Structures are given as structure tokens and as C-alpha cells.
Amino acid sequence: MFTYELIETDNKKEFYNRLNKYLDALLGDDRDWLSGLCNASALLYNLMPDINWAGFFLYRDEELVLGPFQGKPACVRIPIGKGVCGSAAASLKVQVVKNTEEFPGHIVCDPASRSEIVLPIVKGDNLIGVLDIDSPVLNRFDMEDAKGLGEFINILFSRIEYNGVLV
């Protein structure tokens, strides 16, 4: 059985080192993509301070489709290039939004969200989707978060077997 303790530190590098060790232990030898994404989003939601949504949108048929997540119900489909998630998918670049109200075309799923970070997930030359995390706190995310979450994604997608098929 997997167990964890809350990560109580103000040092982001230490936080992500511990979070990523938890992810590694949680995944174990299981390579199933669905359970991996479900548990990864639950781990983020329960351990990251000051967030109100954590999850995945997966690329399918030229759009992002809602995948495993934790938080309030969300938009099911996001066109590539639209909103923060669609912008990350189109540019293949991390989007760190300090104030969602100032992001042109921001798609509001939860009006309590004030800041957001979205990381594209790419394997080889293929867009797999995005990791999206929202916070009710302005300026919650920075490039230190992007680095730690980038490693989180690398661990996750090096371990699970995802072939792009959503059923």
C-alpha cells in the first residue's frame, strides 16, 4: 500500500524532489496509463499547497479532451490555441499565468481560479496533452514550479504506456 506524508516546506526544490519520489513509489511497476494519470492528478491535488484543480487534457482529433483530474468539473474539450491549455499545446511551451483575468481568451471553468500553470506533454515529436494546475491565489506559480512539474511529467510518461488511444 502506498502511503505519503504532507510535504511541509517553503523550498520548492525540496518540495518537488519529495513529490517526484512519491510519484515514483506510487507508480511502482504498473504501466497502465489511466490509473497512472488518475493517481498522478490525485497526488498533485492532495500535496500541492494553494491549488484548486490538477489534471490532464489529452490530445485527440485536433483538440484537447479532458482526462483524469481532481477538482471541480471542467470543460470537456479545448481547441488547440484557445485558452491557457490550448496555447500551451499550440506553442509546446509552458504557460505560467500569474493572473488568469489578464490572459487573453482565458477559458473559465472555475471562477475561483486566479493563476494557472500548464505544461505541454510531448513524447518524441508527438503532442500527448497538457498538465493543467489552477490556484485560487494570484502569482502562485513560477518557473521553479515549471521545472519541478516538468520532471514530474518526465517520470510519469517514462513509466506509463500511453499510445494516444482514448476509449
N, C-alpha and C. Protein backbone atom coordinates (compact mmCIF):
# COMPACT_ATOMS: atom_id res chain seq x y z
N MET A 1 0.84 -1.18 0.00
CA MET A 1 0.00 0.00 0.00
C MET A 1 0.88 1.24 0.00
N PHE A 2 0.54 2.20 -0.83
CA PHE A 2 1.28 3.46 -0.92
C PHE A 2 0.83 4.41 0.19
N THR A 3 1.78 4.98 0.88
CA THR A 3 1.47 6.00 1.89
C THR A 3 2.36 7.21 1.66
N TYR A 4 1.88 8.35 2.10
CA TYR A 4 2.66 9.57 1.98
C TYR A 4 2.34 10.49 3.15
N GLU A 5 3.22 11.44 3.35
CA GLU A 5 3.01 12.48 4.34
C GLU A 5 2.94 13.81 3.61
N LEU A 6 2.24 14.77 4.20
CA LEU A 6 2.23 16.11 3.62
C LEU A 6 3.65 16.63 3.55
N ILE A 7 3.93 17.39 2.51
CA ILE A 7 5.26 17.96 2.32
C ILE A 7 5.22 19.39 2.84
N GLU A 8 5.78 19.57 4.01
CA GLU A 8 5.74 20.89 4.63
C GLU A 8 7.10 21.57 4.50
N THR A 9 7.25 22.35 3.44
CA THR A 9 8.47 23.10 3.21
C THR A 9 8.15 24.29 2.32
N ASP A 10 8.89 25.35 2.49
CA ASP A 10 8.77 26.51 1.61
C ASP A 10 9.78 26.45 0.47
N ASN A 11 10.66 25.46 0.51
CA ASN A 11 11.69 25.30 -0.51
C ASN A 11 11.11 24.47 -1.66
N LYS A 12 10.89 25.12 -2.81
CA LYS A 12 10.24 24.42 -3.93
C LYS A 12 11.07 23.27 -4.46
N LYS A 13 12.39 23.42 -4.49
CA LYS A 13 13.23 22.33 -4.98
C LYS A 13 13.05 21.09 -4.10
N GLU A 14 13.06 21.30 -2.79
CA GLU A 14 12.85 20.19 -1.86
C GLU A 14 11.44 19.61 -2.02
N PHE A 15 10.45 20.48 -2.17
CA PHE A 15 9.07 20.02 -2.37
C PHE A 15 8.97 19.10 -3.58
N TYR A 16 9.51 19.54 -4.73
CA TYR A 16 9.39 18.73 -5.94
C TYR A 16 10.24 17.47 -5.88
N ASN A 17 11.38 17.51 -5.21
CA ASN A 17 12.16 16.28 -5.03
C ASN A 17 11.34 15.24 -4.29
N ARG A 18 10.67 15.65 -3.22
CA ARG A 18 9.85 14.71 -2.44
C ARG A 18 8.61 14.29 -3.22
N LEU A 19 7.95 15.24 -3.88
CA LEU A 19 6.77 14.91 -4.68
C LEU A 19 7.11 13.88 -5.75
N ASN A 20 8.22 14.08 -6.43
CA ASN A 20 8.60 13.18 -7.51
C ASN A 20 9.02 11.81 -6.99
N LYS A 21 9.58 11.75 -5.78
CA LYS A 21 9.86 10.45 -5.17
C LYS A 21 8.55 9.73 -4.83
N TYR A 22 7.58 10.47 -4.35
CA TYR A 22 6.26 9.88 -4.08
C TYR A 22 5.65 9.34 -5.37
N LEU A 23 5.75 10.10 -6.45
CA LEU A 23 5.20 9.64 -7.73
C LEU A 23 5.86 8.34 -8.15
N ASP A 24 7.18 8.29 -8.05
CA ASP A 24 7.92 7.10 -8.43
C ASP A 24 7.45 5.89 -7.62
N ALA A 25 7.29 6.08 -6.31
CA ALA A 25 6.84 4.99 -5.45
C ALA A 25 5.39 4.60 -5.76
N LEU A 26 4.55 5.59 -6.02
CA LEU A 26 3.14 5.34 -6.30
C LEU A 26 2.96 4.54 -7.59
N LEU A 27 3.73 4.86 -8.61
CA LEU A 27 3.60 4.17 -9.89
C LEU A 27 4.06 2.72 -9.78
N GLY A 28 5.09 2.48 -8.99
CA GLY A 28 5.60 1.12 -8.85
C GLY A 28 5.91 0.52 -10.22
N ASP A 29 5.49 -0.72 -10.42
CA ASP A 29 5.72 -1.40 -11.69
C ASP A 29 4.52 -1.33 -12.63
N ASP A 30 3.45 -0.69 -12.20
CA ASP A 30 2.23 -0.63 -13.02
C ASP A 30 2.43 0.36 -14.16
N ARG A 31 2.14 -0.06 -15.38
CA ARG A 31 2.37 0.79 -16.55
C ARG A 31 1.06 1.29 -17.17
N ASP A 32 -0.07 1.01 -16.54
CA ASP A 32 -1.36 1.41 -17.09
C ASP A 32 -1.48 2.93 -17.10
N TRP A 33 -1.78 3.50 -18.26
CA TRP A 33 -1.80 4.96 -18.40
C TRP A 33 -2.95 5.60 -17.63
N LEU A 34 -4.12 4.96 -17.63
CA LEU A 34 -5.27 5.58 -16.98
C LEU A 34 -5.09 5.65 -15.46
N SER A 35 -4.72 4.55 -14.85
CA SER A 35 -4.51 4.58 -13.40
C SER A 35 -3.33 5.48 -13.05
N GLY A 36 -2.32 5.51 -13.90
CA GLY A 36 -1.17 6.39 -13.66
C GLY A 36 -1.56 7.86 -13.66
N LEU A 37 -2.35 8.28 -14.65
CA LEU A 37 -2.78 9.68 -14.72
C LEU A 37 -3.75 10.01 -13.58
N CYS A 38 -4.62 9.07 -13.24
CA CYS A 38 -5.55 9.30 -12.12
C CYS A 38 -4.78 9.52 -10.82
N ASN A 39 -3.86 8.63 -10.53
CA ASN A 39 -3.10 8.76 -9.29
C ASN A 39 -2.17 9.96 -9.30
N ALA A 40 -1.61 10.30 -10.45
CA ALA A 40 -0.74 11.48 -10.54
C ALA A 40 -1.53 12.75 -10.23
N SER A 41 -2.74 12.86 -10.79
CA SER A 41 -3.54 14.06 -10.52
C SER A 41 -3.97 14.10 -9.05
N ALA A 42 -4.27 12.96 -8.46
CA ALA A 42 -4.64 12.92 -7.04
C ALA A 42 -3.46 13.31 -6.16
N LEU A 43 -2.28 12.85 -6.51
CA LEU A 43 -1.08 13.20 -5.75
C LEU A 43 -0.84 14.71 -5.78
N LEU A 44 -0.92 15.30 -6.97
CA LEU A 44 -0.75 16.75 -7.10
C LEU A 44 -1.79 17.50 -6.28
N TYR A 45 -3.03 17.11 -6.43
CA TYR A 45 -4.14 17.82 -5.78
C TYR A 45 -4.03 17.76 -4.26
N ASN A 46 -3.58 16.64 -3.75
CA ASN A 46 -3.52 16.47 -2.30
C ASN A 46 -2.23 16.98 -1.66
N LEU A 47 -1.18 17.15 -2.44
CA LEU A 47 0.09 17.58 -1.85
C LEU A 47 0.51 19.00 -2.20
N MET A 48 0.07 19.51 -3.32
CA MET A 48 0.47 20.88 -3.68
C MET A 48 -0.36 21.89 -2.89
N PRO A 49 0.30 22.82 -2.23
CA PRO A 49 -0.47 23.83 -1.49
C PRO A 49 -1.11 24.86 -2.42
N ASP A 50 -2.23 25.38 -1.99
CA ASP A 50 -2.89 26.51 -2.67
C ASP A 50 -3.27 26.21 -4.11
N ILE A 51 -3.80 25.01 -4.37
CA ILE A 51 -4.34 24.74 -5.70
C ILE A 51 -5.79 24.29 -5.56
N ASN A 52 -6.56 24.49 -6.63
CA ASN A 52 -7.96 24.06 -6.61
C ASN A 52 -8.32 23.15 -7.79
N TRP A 53 -7.34 22.82 -8.63
CA TRP A 53 -7.59 21.90 -9.75
C TRP A 53 -6.25 21.38 -10.25
N ALA A 54 -6.19 20.10 -10.53
CA ALA A 54 -4.98 19.49 -11.10
C ALA A 54 -5.41 18.34 -11.99
N GLY A 55 -4.95 18.36 -13.23
CA GLY A 55 -5.32 17.26 -14.11
C GLY A 55 -4.74 17.38 -15.50
N PHE A 56 -5.23 16.50 -16.34
CA PHE A 56 -4.69 16.33 -17.68
C PHE A 56 -5.77 16.57 -18.73
N PHE A 57 -5.36 17.18 -19.81
CA PHE A 57 -6.14 17.22 -21.04
C PHE A 57 -5.31 16.47 -22.07
N LEU A 58 -5.91 15.53 -22.77
CA LEU A 58 -5.19 14.69 -23.73
C LEU A 58 -5.55 15.08 -25.15
N TYR A 59 -4.54 15.04 -26.02
CA TYR A 59 -4.71 15.47 -27.41
C TYR A 59 -5.38 14.37 -28.21
N ARG A 60 -6.49 14.74 -28.85
CA ARG A 60 -7.20 13.80 -29.71
C ARG A 60 -7.99 14.58 -30.76
N ASP A 61 -7.87 14.18 -32.01
CA ASP A 61 -8.64 14.77 -33.10
C ASP A 61 -8.53 16.30 -33.14
N GLU A 62 -7.30 16.79 -33.07
CA GLU A 62 -7.02 18.23 -33.21
C GLU A 62 -7.58 19.09 -32.08
N GLU A 63 -7.82 18.49 -30.91
CA GLU A 63 -8.27 19.26 -29.75
C GLU A 63 -7.80 18.57 -28.48
N LEU A 64 -7.94 19.26 -27.36
CA LEU A 64 -7.63 18.68 -26.06
C LEU A 64 -8.93 18.17 -25.44
N VAL A 65 -8.87 16.95 -24.92
CA VAL A 65 -10.04 16.32 -24.31
C VAL A 65 -9.73 16.07 -22.83
N LEU A 66 -10.68 16.40 -21.98
CA LEU A 66 -10.50 16.24 -20.55
C LEU A 66 -10.10 14.81 -20.19
N GLY A 67 -9.06 14.71 -19.39
CA GLY A 67 -8.60 13.42 -18.89
C GLY A 67 -8.74 13.37 -17.38
N PRO A 68 -8.01 12.48 -16.73
CA PRO A 68 -8.09 12.36 -15.28
C PRO A 68 -7.74 13.67 -14.58
N PHE A 69 -8.50 14.00 -13.53
CA PHE A 69 -8.27 15.25 -12.80
C PHE A 69 -8.83 15.16 -11.40
N GLN A 70 -8.49 16.15 -10.60
CA GLN A 70 -9.05 16.35 -9.27
C GLN A 70 -9.48 17.80 -9.17
N GLY A 71 -10.66 18.04 -8.67
CA GLY A 71 -11.18 19.40 -8.54
C GLY A 71 -12.61 19.46 -9.06
N LYS A 72 -13.09 20.68 -9.26
CA LYS A 72 -14.45 20.86 -9.77
C LYS A 72 -14.55 20.38 -11.22
N PRO A 73 -15.76 20.04 -11.67
CA PRO A 73 -15.94 19.65 -13.07
C PRO A 73 -15.35 20.71 -14.01
N ALA A 74 -14.86 20.25 -15.15
CA ALA A 74 -14.13 21.13 -16.06
C ALA A 74 -14.67 21.05 -17.48
N CYS A 75 -14.21 21.96 -18.30
CA CYS A 75 -14.53 21.95 -19.73
C CYS A 75 -14.08 20.61 -20.31
N VAL A 76 -14.88 20.02 -21.17
CA VAL A 76 -14.56 18.71 -21.72
C VAL A 76 -13.61 18.81 -22.91
N ARG A 77 -13.78 19.83 -23.75
CA ARG A 77 -12.95 19.97 -24.95
C ARG A 77 -12.41 21.39 -25.04
N ILE A 78 -11.14 21.48 -25.42
CA ILE A 78 -10.50 22.78 -25.60
C ILE A 78 -9.81 22.77 -26.97
N PRO A 79 -10.16 23.71 -27.84
CA PRO A 79 -9.49 23.79 -29.14
C PRO A 79 -8.01 24.17 -28.98
N ILE A 80 -7.17 23.61 -29.82
CA ILE A 80 -5.75 23.97 -29.81
C ILE A 80 -5.64 25.47 -30.11
N GLY A 81 -4.85 26.16 -29.30
CA GLY A 81 -4.66 27.60 -29.46
C GLY A 81 -5.61 28.45 -28.64
N LYS A 82 -6.60 27.84 -28.00
CA LYS A 82 -7.58 28.60 -27.20
C LYS A 82 -7.30 28.43 -25.71
N GLY A 83 -7.41 29.51 -24.96
CA GLY A 83 -7.19 29.47 -23.53
C GLY A 83 -5.75 29.13 -23.18
N VAL A 84 -5.49 28.95 -21.91
CA VAL A 84 -4.13 28.66 -21.45
C VAL A 84 -3.70 27.27 -21.90
N CYS A 85 -4.57 26.28 -21.75
CA CYS A 85 -4.23 24.92 -22.15
C CYS A 85 -3.99 24.81 -23.65
N GLY A 86 -4.90 25.38 -24.44
CA GLY A 86 -4.75 25.34 -25.89
C GLY A 86 -3.52 26.09 -26.37
N SER A 87 -3.16 27.17 -25.67
CA SER A 87 -1.95 27.93 -26.02
C SER A 87 -0.69 27.12 -25.74
N ALA A 88 -0.67 26.41 -24.60
CA ALA A 88 0.47 25.55 -24.29
C ALA A 88 0.61 24.44 -25.32
N ALA A 89 -0.52 23.87 -25.73
CA ALA A 89 -0.50 22.80 -26.73
C ALA A 89 -0.03 23.32 -28.09
N ALA A 90 -0.48 24.50 -28.47
CA ALA A 90 -0.11 25.07 -29.77
C ALA A 90 1.36 25.46 -29.83
N SER A 91 1.86 26.05 -28.76
CA SER A 91 3.24 26.55 -28.74
C SER A 91 4.24 25.51 -28.27
N LEU A 92 3.74 24.46 -27.63
CA LEU A 92 4.58 23.46 -26.97
C LEU A 92 5.49 24.10 -25.93
N LYS A 93 4.99 25.16 -25.30
CA LYS A 93 5.75 25.87 -24.26
C LYS A 93 4.92 25.97 -22.99
N VAL A 94 5.62 25.92 -21.87
CA VAL A 94 4.98 26.08 -20.57
C VAL A 94 4.31 27.45 -20.50
N GLN A 95 3.11 27.47 -19.97
CA GLN A 95 2.39 28.72 -19.75
C GLN A 95 2.27 28.94 -18.24
N VAL A 96 2.88 30.00 -17.75
CA VAL A 96 2.76 30.39 -16.35
C VAL A 96 1.94 31.67 -16.34
N VAL A 97 0.73 31.58 -15.83
CA VAL A 97 -0.19 32.72 -15.83
C VAL A 97 -0.35 33.20 -14.39
N LYS A 98 0.19 34.36 -14.13
CA LYS A 98 0.16 34.93 -12.77
C LYS A 98 -1.23 35.42 -12.38
N ASN A 99 -2.00 35.88 -13.39
CA ASN A 99 -3.36 36.38 -13.15
C ASN A 99 -4.23 35.96 -14.33
N THR A 100 -5.10 35.00 -14.12
CA THR A 100 -5.91 34.46 -15.23
C THR A 100 -6.82 35.52 -15.85
N GLU A 101 -7.20 36.53 -15.09
CA GLU A 101 -8.07 37.58 -15.63
C GLU A 101 -7.35 38.44 -16.67
N GLU A 102 -6.02 38.38 -16.69
CA GLU A 102 -5.25 39.16 -17.64
C GLU A 102 -4.81 38.35 -18.85
N PHE A 103 -5.15 37.05 -18.88
CA PHE A 103 -4.76 36.21 -20.01
C PHE A 103 -5.82 36.31 -21.10
N PRO A 104 -5.44 36.80 -22.29
CA PRO A 104 -6.42 36.94 -23.37
C PRO A 104 -7.04 35.59 -23.75
N GLY A 105 -8.35 35.52 -23.73
CA GLY A 105 -9.04 34.30 -24.12
C GLY A 105 -9.06 33.22 -23.06
N HIS A 106 -8.76 33.57 -21.82
CA HIS A 106 -8.79 32.58 -20.74
C HIS A 106 -10.17 31.91 -20.69
N ILE A 107 -10.18 30.59 -20.60
CA ILE A 107 -11.42 29.83 -20.51
C ILE A 107 -11.70 29.58 -19.03
N VAL A 108 -12.80 30.10 -18.54
CA VAL A 108 -13.13 29.99 -17.12
C VAL A 108 -13.91 28.70 -16.87
N CYS A 109 -13.29 27.78 -16.16
CA CYS A 109 -14.00 26.58 -15.71
C CYS A 109 -14.41 26.73 -14.25
N ASP A 110 -13.52 27.33 -13.46
CA ASP A 110 -13.82 27.59 -12.05
C ASP A 110 -13.51 29.07 -11.79
N PRO A 111 -14.52 29.87 -11.51
CA PRO A 111 -14.29 31.31 -11.31
C PRO A 111 -13.38 31.62 -10.13
N ALA A 112 -13.14 30.65 -9.25
CA ALA A 112 -12.23 30.87 -8.12
C ALA A 112 -10.76 30.85 -8.53
N SER A 113 -10.45 30.28 -9.70
CA SER A 113 -9.06 30.20 -10.15
C SER A 113 -8.52 31.57 -10.50
N ARG A 114 -7.35 31.89 -9.96
CA ARG A 114 -6.72 33.20 -10.20
C ARG A 114 -5.38 33.10 -10.92
N SER A 115 -4.72 31.94 -10.80
CA SER A 115 -3.46 31.74 -11.52
C SER A 115 -3.43 30.30 -12.01
N GLU A 116 -2.53 30.05 -12.96
CA GLU A 116 -2.55 28.74 -13.63
C GLU A 116 -1.18 28.44 -14.20
N ILE A 117 -0.84 27.17 -14.22
CA ILE A 117 0.35 26.71 -14.92
C ILE A 117 -0.06 25.53 -15.80
N VAL A 118 0.40 25.54 -17.04
CA VAL A 118 0.09 24.46 -17.98
C VAL A 118 1.38 24.04 -18.65
N LEU A 119 1.66 22.75 -18.60
CA LEU A 119 2.86 22.19 -19.22
C LEU A 119 2.45 21.26 -20.35
N PRO A 120 2.98 21.48 -21.56
CA PRO A 120 2.70 20.54 -22.65
C PRO A 120 3.40 19.21 -22.37
N ILE A 121 2.77 18.14 -22.78
CA ILE A 121 3.34 16.81 -22.64
C ILE A 121 3.64 16.32 -24.05
N VAL A 122 4.92 16.13 -24.33
CA VAL A 122 5.36 15.75 -25.67
C VAL A 122 6.23 14.51 -25.55
N LYS A 123 5.98 13.53 -26.39
CA LYS A 123 6.81 12.33 -26.44
C LYS A 123 7.33 12.21 -27.86
N GLY A 124 8.64 12.28 -28.02
CA GLY A 124 9.21 12.35 -29.36
C GLY A 124 8.79 13.66 -30.00
N ASP A 125 8.15 13.58 -31.14
CA ASP A 125 7.62 14.78 -31.80
C ASP A 125 6.11 14.88 -31.64
N ASN A 126 5.53 14.05 -30.80
CA ASN A 126 4.07 13.98 -30.69
C ASN A 126 3.54 14.65 -29.44
N LEU A 127 2.56 15.53 -29.63
CA LEU A 127 1.85 16.12 -28.51
C LEU A 127 0.94 15.06 -27.90
N ILE A 128 1.08 14.83 -26.62
CA ILE A 128 0.23 13.88 -25.91
C ILE A 128 -0.91 14.61 -25.23
N GLY A 129 -0.61 15.78 -24.70
CA GLY A 129 -1.62 16.56 -23.99
C GLY A 129 -0.97 17.63 -23.15
N VAL A 130 -1.64 18.03 -22.08
CA VAL A 130 -1.10 19.04 -21.17
C VAL A 130 -1.44 18.65 -19.73
N LEU A 131 -0.57 19.08 -18.83
CA LEU A 131 -0.85 19.05 -17.40
C LEU A 131 -1.29 20.45 -17.02
N ASP A 132 -2.44 20.57 -16.40
CA ASP A 132 -3.03 21.86 -16.04
C ASP A 132 -3.23 21.91 -14.53
N ILE A 133 -2.74 22.97 -13.90
CA ILE A 133 -2.94 23.16 -12.46
C ILE A 133 -3.39 24.59 -12.23
N ASP A 134 -4.48 24.74 -11.48
CA ASP A 134 -5.06 26.05 -11.18
C ASP A 134 -4.94 26.35 -9.69
N SER A 135 -4.92 27.65 -9.38
CA SER A 135 -4.85 28.09 -7.99
C SER A 135 -5.79 29.25 -7.76
N PRO A 136 -6.38 29.33 -6.56
CA PRO A 136 -7.19 30.49 -6.22
C PRO A 136 -6.34 31.68 -5.77
N VAL A 137 -5.01 31.51 -5.80
CA VAL A 137 -4.07 32.53 -5.33
C VAL A 137 -3.37 33.17 -6.53
N LEU A 138 -3.35 34.50 -6.60
CA LEU A 138 -2.60 35.20 -7.64
C LEU A 138 -1.11 34.88 -7.51
N ASN A 139 -0.42 34.84 -8.64
CA ASN A 139 1.04 34.64 -8.67
C ASN A 139 1.49 33.36 -7.97
N ARG A 140 0.69 32.32 -8.01
CA ARG A 140 1.01 31.07 -7.31
C ARG A 140 2.17 30.32 -7.94
N PHE A 141 2.32 30.42 -9.27
CA PHE A 141 3.27 29.58 -9.98
C PHE A 141 4.42 30.40 -10.57
N ASP A 142 5.57 29.73 -10.72
CA ASP A 142 6.73 30.37 -11.35
C ASP A 142 7.53 29.29 -12.10
N MET A 143 8.70 29.67 -12.59
CA MET A 143 9.49 28.73 -13.38
C MET A 143 10.09 27.61 -12.53
N GLU A 144 10.21 27.82 -11.23
CA GLU A 144 10.62 26.72 -10.35
C GLU A 144 9.57 25.62 -10.34
N ASP A 145 8.30 26.04 -10.33
CA ASP A 145 7.21 25.06 -10.43
C ASP A 145 7.27 24.36 -11.78
N ALA A 146 7.53 25.12 -12.83
CA ALA A 146 7.61 24.53 -14.17
C ALA A 146 8.70 23.46 -14.23
N LYS A 147 9.83 23.75 -13.61
CA LYS A 147 10.93 22.78 -13.62
C LYS A 147 10.55 21.52 -12.85
N GLY A 148 10.02 21.68 -11.64
CA GLY A 148 9.64 20.52 -10.83
C GLY A 148 8.53 19.70 -11.47
N LEU A 149 7.54 20.39 -12.04
CA LEU A 149 6.44 19.69 -12.70
C LEU A 149 6.89 19.05 -14.02
N GLY A 150 7.87 19.66 -14.68
CA GLY A 150 8.44 19.05 -15.88
C GLY A 150 9.07 17.71 -15.56
N GLU A 151 9.77 17.64 -14.44
CA GLU A 151 10.36 16.38 -14.00
C GLU A 151 9.26 15.38 -13.62
N PHE A 152 8.20 15.86 -13.00
CA PHE A 152 7.04 15.03 -12.65
C PHE A 152 6.49 14.37 -13.92
N ILE A 153 6.30 15.16 -14.97
CA ILE A 153 5.80 14.64 -16.25
C ILE A 153 6.77 13.63 -16.84
N ASN A 154 8.07 13.94 -16.79
CA ASN A 154 9.07 13.02 -17.34
C ASN A 154 9.02 11.66 -16.64
N ILE A 155 8.92 11.69 -15.32
CA ILE A 155 8.84 10.43 -14.57
C ILE A 155 7.57 9.67 -14.97
N LEU A 156 6.45 10.37 -14.96
CA LEU A 156 5.16 9.74 -15.25
C LEU A 156 5.15 9.10 -16.63
N PHE A 157 5.55 9.85 -17.64
CA PHE A 157 5.43 9.34 -19.01
C PHE A 157 6.58 8.43 -19.43
N SER A 158 7.60 8.32 -18.59
CA SER A 158 8.63 7.31 -18.85
C SER A 158 8.20 5.96 -18.27
N ARG A 159 7.20 5.99 -17.41
CA ARG A 159 6.76 4.77 -16.73
C ARG A 159 5.46 4.20 -17.28
N ILE A 160 4.53 5.05 -17.68
CA ILE A 160 3.24 4.53 -18.16
C ILE A 160 3.32 4.26 -19.66
N GLU A 161 2.44 3.42 -20.13
CA GLU A 161 2.34 3.12 -21.56
C GLU A 161 1.11 3.82 -22.10
N TYR A 162 1.34 4.91 -22.80
CA TYR A 162 0.23 5.67 -23.39
C TYR A 162 0.42 5.69 -24.90
N ASN A 163 -0.56 5.17 -25.62
CA ASN A 163 -0.44 5.10 -27.08
C ASN A 163 -1.36 6.07 -27.80
N GLY A 164 -1.95 7.00 -27.06
CA GLY A 164 -2.79 8.01 -27.68
C GLY A 164 -4.22 7.58 -27.92
N VAL A 165 -4.58 6.40 -27.46
CA VAL A 165 -5.94 5.91 -27.68
C VAL A 165 -6.78 6.20 -26.45
N LEU A 166 -7.86 6.94 -26.65
CA LEU A 166 -8.82 7.17 -25.57
C LEU A 166 -10.05 6.34 -25.87
N VAL A 167 -10.48 5.58 -24.90
CA VAL A 167 -11.68 4.76 -25.10
C VAL A 167 -12.76 5.17 -24.13
